[in-house]
Amino acid sequence: MHYNFCRIHQTLRVTPAMEAGVTDRLWEIADVVDLVEAATPKPNRPATYRKREISN
């Protein structure tokens, strides 16, 4: 991700993704982190627990 979207190639003077037409802007690391966080599934809330009835 970093090489293709964030790092400007020396000979191309743009990122490889920009040269390939995948994107039209230079990405920052924060953009990559946001993308990863959006793809990470959110933890599910546990079901409501019922108290056990103590049998005597």
PDB file of N, CA and C in Angstrom:
ATOM      1  N   MET A   1       0.832  -1.187   0.000  1.00  0.00           N
ATOM      2  CA  MET A   1       0.000   0.000   0.000  1.00  0.00           C
ATOM      3  C   MET A   1       0.874   1.247   0.000  1.00  0.00           C
ATOM      4  N   HIS A   2       1.851   1.257   0.887  1.00  0.00           N
ATOM      5  CA  HIS A   2       2.691   2.451   0.999  1.00  0.00           C
ATOM      6  C   HIS A   2       3.447   2.711  -0.298  1.00  0.00           C
ATOM      7  N   TYR A   3       4.040   1.674  -0.854  1.00  0.00           N
ATOM      8  CA  TYR A   3       4.831   1.848  -2.072  1.00  0.00           C
ATOM      9  C   TYR A   3       3.962   2.307  -3.237  1.00  0.00           C
ATOM     10  N   ASN A   4       2.791   1.735  -3.385  1.00  0.00           N
ATOM     11  CA  ASN A   4       1.958   2.025  -4.546  1.00  0.00           C
ATOM     12  C   ASN A   4       1.129   3.297  -4.427  1.00  0.00           C
ATOM     13  N   PHE A   5       0.756   3.696  -3.217  1.00  0.00           N
ATOM     14  CA  PHE A   5      -0.149   4.825  -3.066  1.00  0.00           C
ATOM     15  C   PHE A   5       0.471   6.041  -2.370  1.00  0.00           C
ATOM     16  N   CYS A   6       1.487   5.846  -1.538  1.00  0.00           N
ATOM     17  CA  CYS A   6       2.031   6.952  -0.738  1.00  0.00           C
ATOM     18  C   CYS A   6       3.411   7.434  -1.197  1.00  0.00           C
ATOM     19  N   ARG A   7       4.184   6.567  -1.771  1.00  0.00           N
ATOM     20  CA  ARG A   7       5.570   6.895  -2.100  1.00  0.00           C
ATOM     21  C   ARG A   7       5.696   7.329  -3.560  1.00  0.00           C
ATOM     22  N   ILE A   8       6.284   8.486  -3.771  1.00  0.00           N
ATOM     23  CA  ILE A   8       6.504   8.987  -5.132  1.00  0.00           C
ATOM     24  C   ILE A   8       7.729   8.297  -5.719  1.00  0.00           C
ATOM     25  N   HIS A   9       7.552   7.682  -6.874  1.00  0.00           N
ATOM     26  CA  HIS A   9       8.623   6.972  -7.557  1.00  0.00           C
ATOM     27  C   HIS A   9       9.584   7.982  -8.173  1.00  0.00           C
ATOM     28  N   GLN A  10      10.877   7.706  -8.109  1.00  0.00           N
ATOM     29  CA  GLN A  10      11.884   8.658  -8.582  1.00  0.00           C
ATOM     30  C   GLN A  10      11.799   8.915 -10.077  1.00  0.00           C
ATOM     31  N   THR A  11      11.661   7.876 -10.876  1.00  0.00           N
ATOM     32  CA  THR A  11      11.667   8.071 -12.323  1.00  0.00           C
ATOM     33  C   THR A  11      10.302   8.489 -12.862  1.00  0.00           C
ATOM     34  N   LEU A  12       9.228   8.058 -12.204  1.00  0.00           N
ATOM     35  CA  LEU A  12       7.886   8.405 -12.670  1.00  0.00           C
ATOM     36  C   LEU A  12       7.459   9.801 -12.226  1.00  0.00           C
ATOM     37  N   ARG A  13       7.975  10.237 -11.096  1.00  0.00           N
ATOM     38  CA  ARG A  13       7.613  11.513 -10.462  1.00  0.00           C
ATOM     39  C   ARG A  13       6.191  11.508  -9.893  1.00  0.00           C
ATOM     40  N   VAL A  14       5.551  10.361  -9.885  1.00  0.00           N
ATOM     41  CA  VAL A  14       4.244  10.142  -9.258  1.00  0.00           C
ATOM     42  C   VAL A  14       4.275   8.745  -8.637  1.00  0.00           C
ATOM     43  N   THR A  15       3.222   8.389  -7.914  1.00  0.00           N
ATOM     44  CA  THR A  15       3.155   7.041  -7.354  1.00  0.00           C
ATOM     45  C   THR A  15       2.788   6.049  -8.461  1.00  0.00           C
ATOM     46  N   PRO A  16       3.130   4.775  -8.287  1.00  0.00           N
ATOM     47  CA  PRO A  16       2.731   3.780  -9.289  1.00  0.00           C
ATOM     48  C   PRO A  16       1.212   3.700  -9.489  1.00  0.00           C
ATOM     49  N   ALA A  17       0.446   3.890  -8.418  1.00  0.00           N
ATOM     50  CA  ALA A  17      -1.013   3.853  -8.540  1.00  0.00           C
ATOM     51  C   ALA A  17      -1.526   5.032  -9.365  1.00  0.00           C
ATOM     52  N   MET A  18      -0.909   6.189  -9.215  1.00  0.00           N
ATOM     53  CA  MET A  18      -1.305   7.354 -10.006  1.00  0.00           C
ATOM     54  C   MET A  18      -0.942   7.137 -11.472  1.00  0.00           C
ATOM     55  N   GLU A  19       0.198   6.555 -11.720  1.00  0.00           N
ATOM     56  CA  GLU A  19       0.633   6.287 -13.093  1.00  0.00           C
ATOM     57  C   GLU A  19      -0.298   5.282 -13.777  1.00  0.00           C
ATOM     58  N   ALA A  20      -0.784   4.306 -13.003  1.00  0.00           N
ATOM     59  CA  ALA A  20      -1.676   3.288 -13.553  1.00  0.00           C
ATOM     60  C   ALA A  20      -3.112   3.780 -13.681  1.00  0.00           C
ATOM     61  N   GLY A  21      -3.404   4.945 -13.136  1.00  0.00           N
ATOM     62  CA  GLY A  21      -4.752   5.491 -13.225  1.00  0.00           C
ATOM     63  C   GLY A  21      -5.703   4.977 -12.153  1.00  0.00           C
ATOM     64  N   VAL A  22      -5.176   4.338 -11.124  1.00  0.00           N
ATOM     65  CA  VAL A  22      -6.006   3.822 -10.036  1.00  0.00           C
ATOM     66  C   VAL A  22      -6.499   4.952  -9.142  1.00  0.00           C
ATOM     67  N   THR A  23      -5.667   5.941  -8.926  1.00  0.00           N
ATOM     68  CA  THR A  23      -6.014   7.085  -8.094  1.00  0.00           C
ATOM     69  C   THR A  23      -5.458   8.352  -8.721  1.00  0.00           C
ATOM     70  N   ASP A  24      -6.012   9.479  -8.315  1.00  0.00           N
ATOM     71  CA  ASP A  24      -5.533  10.747  -8.877  1.00  0.00           C
ATOM     72  C   ASP A  24      -4.884  11.643  -7.828  1.00  0.00           C
ATOM     73  N   ARG A  25      -4.662  11.107  -6.633  1.00  0.00           N
ATOM     74  CA  ARG A  25      -4.057  11.915  -5.576  1.00  0.00           C
ATOM     75  C   ARG A  25      -3.028  11.103  -4.809  1.00  0.00           C
ATOM     76  N   LEU A  26      -2.165  11.804  -4.116  1.00  0.00           N
ATOM     77  CA  LEU A  26      -1.151  11.200  -3.270  1.00  0.00           C
ATOM     78  C   LEU A  26      -1.781  10.874  -1.922  1.00  0.00           C
ATOM     79  N   TRP A  27      -1.733   9.617  -1.522  1.00  0.00           N
ATOM     80  CA  TRP A  27      -2.336   9.198  -0.264  1.00  0.00           C
ATOM     81  C   TRP A  27      -1.370   9.445   0.885  1.00  0.00           C
ATOM     82  N   GLU A  28      -1.911   9.622   2.059  1.00  0.00           N
ATOM     83  CA  GLU A  28      -1.116   9.714   3.275  1.00  0.00           C
ATOM     84  C   GLU A  28      -1.289   8.412   4.048  1.00  0.00           C
ATOM     85  N   ILE A  29      -0.409   8.183   5.007  1.00  0.00           N
ATOM     86  CA  ILE A  29      -0.499   6.973   5.821  1.00  0.00           C
ATOM     87  C   ILE A  29      -1.838   6.933   6.556  1.00  0.00           C
ATOM     88  N   ALA A  30      -2.341   8.075   6.983  1.00  0.00           N
ATOM     89  CA  ALA A  30      -3.629   8.124   7.686  1.00  0.00           C
ATOM     90  C   ALA A  30      -4.757   7.598   6.797  1.00  0.00           C
ATOM     91  N   ASP A  31      -4.674   7.829   5.499  1.00  0.00           N
ATOM     92  CA  ASP A  31      -5.686   7.298   4.577  1.00  0.00           C
ATOM     93  C   ASP A  31      -5.653   5.771   4.550  1.00  0.00           C
ATOM     94  N   VAL A  32      -4.465   5.203   4.577  1.00  0.00           N
ATOM     95  CA  VAL A  32      -4.314   3.749   4.569  1.00  0.00           C
ATOM     96  C   VAL A  32      -4.840   3.167   5.880  1.00  0.00           C
ATOM     97  N   VAL A  33      -4.528   3.822   6.992  1.00  0.00           N
ATOM     98  CA  VAL A  33      -4.999   3.356   8.297  1.00  0.00           C
ATOM     99  C   VAL A  33      -6.520   3.403   8.356  1.00  0.00           C
ATOM    100  N   ASP A  34      -7.120   4.469   7.856  1.00  0.00           N
ATOM    101  CA  ASP A  34      -8.583   4.569   7.833  1.00  0.00           C
ATOM    102  C   ASP A  34      -9.201   3.453   7.007  1.00  0.00           C
ATOM    103  N   LEU A  35      -8.568   3.107   5.911  1.00  0.00           N
ATOM    104  CA  LEU A  35      -9.066   2.036   5.054  1.00  0.00           C
ATOM    105  C   LEU A  35      -9.022   0.684   5.769  1.00  0.00           C
ATOM    106  N   VAL A  36      -7.938   0.434   6.484  1.00  0.00           N
ATOM    107  CA  VAL A  36      -7.797  -0.824   7.228  1.00  0.00           C
ATOM    108  C   VAL A  36      -8.807  -0.884   8.369  1.00  0.00           C
ATOM    109  N   GLU A  37      -8.965   0.218   9.089  1.00  0.00           N
ATOM    110  CA  GLU A  37      -9.917   0.241  10.199  1.00  0.00           C
ATOM    111  C   GLU A  37     -11.352   0.061   9.713  1.00  0.00           C
ATOM    112  N   ALA A  38     -11.672   0.588   8.565  1.00  0.00           N
ATOM    113  CA  ALA A  38     -13.019   0.425   8.024  1.00  0.00           C
ATOM    114  C   ALA A  38     -13.293  -1.018   7.630  1.00  0.00           C
ATOM    115  N   ALA A  39     -12.269  -1.743   7.230  1.00  0.00           N
ATOM    116  CA  ALA A  39     -12.440  -3.130   6.805  1.00  0.00           C
ATOM    117  C   ALA A  39     -12.436  -4.110   7.982  1.00  0.00           C
ATOM    118  N   THR A  40     -11.955  -3.671   9.139  1.00  0.00           N
ATOM    119  CA  THR A  40     -11.902  -4.529  10.311  1.00  0.00           C
ATOM    120  C   THR A  40     -13.298  -4.674  10.904  1.00  0.00           C
ATOM    121  N   PRO A  41     -13.759  -5.909  11.109  1.00  0.00           N
ATOM    122  CA  PRO A  41     -15.105  -6.078  11.662  1.00  0.00           C
ATOM    123  C   PRO A  41     -15.175  -5.566  13.097  1.00  0.00           C
ATOM    124  N   LYS A  42     -16.294  -4.964  13.437  1.00  0.00           N
ATOM    125  CA  LYS A  42     -16.512  -4.448  14.778  1.00  0.00           C
ATOM    126  C   LYS A  42     -16.888  -5.610  15.695  1.00  0.00           C
ATOM    127  N   PRO A  43     -16.426  -5.573  16.947  1.00  0.00           N
ATOM    128  CA  PRO A  43     -16.796  -6.655  17.866  1.00  0.00           C
ATOM    129  C   PRO A  43     -18.282  -6.601  18.189  1.00  0.00           C
ATOM    130  N   ASN A  44     -18.890  -7.772  18.271  1.00  0.00           N
ATOM    131  CA  ASN A  44     -20.309  -7.848  18.584  1.00  0.00           C
ATOM    132  C   ASN A  44     -20.527  -7.662  20.076  1.00  0.00           C
ATOM    133  N   ARG A  45     -21.629  -7.051  20.410  1.00  0.00           N
ATOM    134  CA  ARG A  45     -21.983  -6.896  21.814  1.00  0.00           C
ATOM    135  C   ARG A  45     -22.480  -8.248  22.311  1.00  0.00           C
ATOM    136  N   PRO A  46     -22.023  -8.645  23.497  1.00  0.00           N
ATOM    137  CA  PRO A  46     -22.472  -9.953  23.994  1.00  0.00           C
ATOM    138  C   PRO A  46     -23.971  -9.936  24.288  1.00  0.00           C
ATOM    139  N   ALA A  47     -24.550 -11.099  24.181  1.00  0.00           N
ATOM    140  CA  ALA A  47     -25.975 -11.223  24.482  1.00  0.00           C
ATOM    141  C   ALA A  47     -26.204 -10.906  25.948  1.00  0.00           C
ATOM    142  N   THR A  48     -27.396 -10.513  26.270  1.00  0.00           N
ATOM    143  CA  THR A  48     -27.721 -10.203  27.652  1.00  0.00           C
ATOM    144  C   THR A  48     -27.646 -11.487  28.473  1.00  0.00           C
ATOM    145  N   TYR A  49     -26.975 -11.377  29.569  1.00  0.00           N
ATOM    146  CA  TYR A  49     -26.829 -12.530  30.436  1.00  0.00           C
ATOM    147  C   TYR A  49     -27.977 -12.578  31.436  1.00  0.00           C
ATOM    148  N   ARG A  50     -28.501 -13.774  31.639  1.00  0.00           N
ATOM    149  CA  ARG A  50     -29.544 -13.942  32.648  1.00  0.00           C
ATOM    150  C   ARG A  50     -28.894 -14.503  33.907  1.00  0.00           C
ATOM    151  N   LYS A  51     -29.375 -14.044  35.013  1.00  0.00           N
ATOM    152  CA  LYS A  51     -28.860 -14.548  36.275  1.00  0.00           C
ATOM    153  C   LYS A  51     -29.363 -15.974  36.486  1.00  0.00           C
ATOM    154  N   ARG A  52     -28.499 -16.787  37.016  1.00  0.00           N
ATOM    155  CA  ARG A  52     -28.891 -18.162  37.305  1.00  0.00           C
ATOM    156  C   ARG A  52     -29.768 -18.202  38.539  1.00  0.00           C
ATOM    157  N   GLU A  53     -30.726 -19.029  38.471  1.00  0.00           N
ATOM    158  CA  GLU A  53     -31.545 -19.239  39.651  1.00  0.00           C
ATOM    159  C   GLU A  53     -30.912 -20.345  40.470  1.00  0.00           C
ATOM    160  N   ILE A  54     -30.733 -20.069  41.717  1.00  0.00           N
ATOM    161  CA  ILE A  54     -30.121 -21.046  42.597  1.00  0.00           C
ATOM    162  C   ILE A  54     -31.207 -21.982  43.123  1.00  0.00           C
ATOM    163  N   SER A  55     -31.036 -23.234  42.844  1.00  0.00           N
ATOM    164  CA  SER A  55     -32.037 -24.199  43.316  1.00  0.00           C
ATOM    165  C   SER A  55     -31.643 -24.708  44.681  1.00  0.00           C
ATOM    166  N   ASN A  56     -32.565 -24.717  45.584  1.00  0.00           N
ATOM    167  CA  ASN A  56     -32.298 -25.178  46.954  1.00  0.00           C
ATOM    168  C   ASN A  56     -32.748 -26.581  47.151  1.00  0.00           C
TER     169      ASN A  56
END
